[in-house]
C-alpha atoms as a PDB file:
ATOM      1  CA  MET A   1      38.850 161.662 -79.354  1.00  0.00           C
ATOM      2  CA  PRO A   2      39.778 163.492 -76.098  1.00  0.00           C
ATOM      3  CA  ALA A   3      43.307 164.697 -75.533  1.00  0.00           C
ATOM      4  CA  SER A   4      45.404 162.186 -73.716  1.00  0.00           C
ATOM      5  CA  SER A   5      47.485 164.745 -71.816  1.00  0.00           C
ATOM      6  CA  PRO A   6      45.474 167.136 -69.646  1.00  0.00           C
ATOM      7  CA  LEU A   7      46.601 170.711 -69.120  1.00  0.00           C
ATOM      8  CA  PRO A   8      48.833 171.332 -66.099  1.00  0.00           C
ATOM      9  CA  PRO A   9      46.946 172.557 -63.039  1.00  0.00           C
ATOM     10  CA  ARG A  10      46.764 176.305 -62.503  1.00  0.00           C
ATOM     11  CA  PRO A  11      48.774 177.788 -59.637  1.00  0.00           C
ATOM     12  CA  PRO A  12      46.663 179.277 -56.839  1.00  0.00           C
ATOM     13  CA  ARG A  13      45.831 182.963 -57.201  1.00  0.00           C
ATOM     14  CA  GLN A  14      47.625 185.289 -54.855  1.00  0.00           C
ATOM     15  CA  ARG A  15      45.601 188.015 -53.222  1.00  0.00           C
ATOM     16  CA  THR A  16      46.750 191.514 -53.942  1.00  0.00           C
ATOM     17  CA  ARG A  17      45.791 194.673 -52.139  1.00  0.00           C
ATOM     18  CA  ARG A  18      43.851 197.251 -54.027  1.00  0.00           C
ATOM     19  CA  LYS A  19      45.539 200.576 -54.462  1.00  0.00           C
ATOM     20  CA  LYS A  20      43.826 203.414 -52.690  1.00  0.00           C
ATOM     21  CA  GLU A  21      42.605 206.306 -54.755  1.00  0.00           C
ATOM     22  CA  GLY A  22      42.244 210.000 -54.037  1.00  0.00           C
ATOM     23  CA  ALA A  23      42.993 211.506 -50.641  1.00  0.00           C
ATOM     24  CA  ALA A  24      43.344 208.117 -48.973  1.00  0.00           C
ATOM     25  CA  ALA A  25      46.359 207.319 -51.150  1.00  0.00           C
ATOM     26  CA  ALA A  26      48.174 210.503 -50.136  1.00  0.00           C
ATOM     27  CA  THR A  27      47.482 210.168 -46.410  1.00  0.00           C
ATOM     28  CA  PRO A  28      50.056 208.099 -44.509  1.00  0.00           C
ATOM     29  CA  ARG A  29      48.673 205.480 -42.197  1.00  0.00           C
ATOM     30  CA  LEU A  30      49.430 206.433 -38.608  1.00  0.00           C
ATOM     31  CA  TYR A  31      49.351 204.079 -35.659  1.00  0.00           C
ATOM     32  CA  PHE A  32      48.808 205.377 -32.176  1.00  0.00           C
ATOM     33  CA  ASN A  33      49.197 203.367 -29.052  1.00  0.00           C
ATOM     34  CA  LYS A  34      46.039 203.385 -26.935  1.00  0.00           C
ATOM     35  CA  TRP A  35      47.897 204.991 -24.028  1.00  0.00           C
ATOM     36  CA  VAL A  36      49.252 207.783 -26.227  1.00  0.00           C
ATOM     37  CA  SER A  37      45.731 208.503 -27.462  1.00  0.00           C
ATOM     38  CA  PHE A  38      44.373 208.414 -23.923  1.00  0.00           C
ATOM     39  CA  SER A  39      47.064 210.783 -22.620  1.00  0.00           C
ATOM     40  CA  ALA A  40      46.561 213.242 -25.475  1.00  0.00           C
ATOM     41  CA  SER A  41      42.793 213.300 -25.011  1.00  0.00           C
ATOM     42  CA  LEU A  42      43.092 213.742 -21.247  1.00  0.00           C
ATOM     43  CA  THR A  43      45.514 216.648 -21.695  1.00  0.00           C
ATOM     44  CA  SER A  44      43.169 218.255 -24.197  1.00  0.00           C
ATOM     45  CA  LEU A  45      40.183 217.889 -21.880  1.00  0.00           C
ATOM     46  CA  LEU A  46      42.072 219.346 -18.923  1.00  0.00           C
ATOM     47  CA  GLY A  47      43.217 222.321 -20.965  1.00  0.00           C
ATOM     48  CA  ALA A  48      39.693 223.001 -22.202  1.00  0.00           C
ATOM     49  CA  GLY A  49      38.290 222.689 -18.693  1.00  0.00           C
ATOM     50  CA  LEU A  50      40.736 225.213 -17.253  1.00  0.00           C
ATOM     51  CA  SER A  51      39.666 227.932 -19.626  1.00  0.00           C
ATOM     52  CA  TYR A  52      35.992 227.017 -19.223  1.00  0.00           C
ATOM     53  CA  ALA A  53      36.156 227.315 -15.426  1.00  0.00           C
ATOM     54  CA  PHE A  54      38.199 230.536 -15.415  1.00  0.00           C
ATOM     55  CA  ALA A  55      35.432 232.432 -13.625  1.00  0.00           C
ATOM     56  CA  LEU A  56      35.845 230.133 -10.618  1.00  0.00           C
ATOM     57  CA  TYR A  57      39.445 231.125  -9.945  1.00  0.00           C
ATOM     58  CA  ALA A  58      39.639 234.623 -11.466  1.00  0.00           C
ATOM     59  CA  GLY A  59      38.875 236.183  -8.086  1.00  0.00           C
ATOM     60  CA  ASP A  60      41.731 234.260  -6.476  1.00  0.00           C
ATOM     61  CA  LEU A  61      44.115 235.539  -9.156  1.00  0.00           C
ATOM     62  CA  LYS A  62      43.090 239.097  -8.315  1.00  0.00           C
ATOM     63  CA  GLU A  63      43.598 238.570  -4.573  1.00  0.00           C
ATOM     64  CA  ARG A  64      46.764 236.512  -4.538  1.00  0.00           C
ATOM     65  CA  PHE A  65      48.704 238.320  -7.249  1.00  0.00           C
ATOM     66  CA  GLY A  66      47.084 241.722  -6.869  1.00  0.00           C
ATOM     67  CA  TYR A  67      45.904 241.803 -10.484  1.00  0.00           C
ATOM     68  CA  SER A  68      43.556 244.516 -11.692  1.00  0.00           C
ATOM     69  CA  GLN A  69      40.502 243.651 -13.764  1.00  0.00           C
ATOM     70  CA  ALA A  70      42.378 244.540 -16.960  1.00  0.00           C
ATOM     71  CA  GLN A  71      45.239 242.185 -16.048  1.00  0.00           C
ATOM     72  CA  THR A  72      42.802 239.405 -15.238  1.00  0.00           C
ATOM     73  CA  ASP A  73      41.123 239.956 -18.595  1.00  0.00           C
ATOM     74  CA  GLY A  74      44.550 239.698 -20.222  1.00  0.00           C
ATOM     75  CA  VAL A  75      45.156 236.350 -18.543  1.00  0.00           C
ATOM     76  CA  ALA A  76      41.781 235.120 -19.770  1.00  0.00           C
ATOM     77  CA  ALA A  77      42.489 236.298 -23.311  1.00  0.00           C
ATOM     78  CA  ALA A  78      45.915 234.637 -23.319  1.00  0.00           C
ATOM     79  CA  MET A  79      44.348 231.402 -22.097  1.00  0.00           C
ATOM     80  CA  ASN A  80      41.775 231.471 -24.880  1.00  0.00           C
ATOM     81  CA  LEU A  81      44.468 232.079 -27.514  1.00  0.00           C
ATOM     82  CA  GLY A  82      46.873 229.444 -26.312  1.00  0.00           C
END
């Protein structure tokens, strides 16, 4: 004979997030605004372009400021370091 009182219905399962393992667990999640990312990338590209095109304006540095070749080389070295 079947049971006259059925079992109470189960509550719905709640979804839980899985815990991250390894390096992903230690790394904080960072959020960057799209304009912050754009500005940072543009600044980086401009800085890289200035040192790449140094040969175009090295002659003007010599003329305008009266730099010797050694001083111009020093400016180029400082630009590559910084």
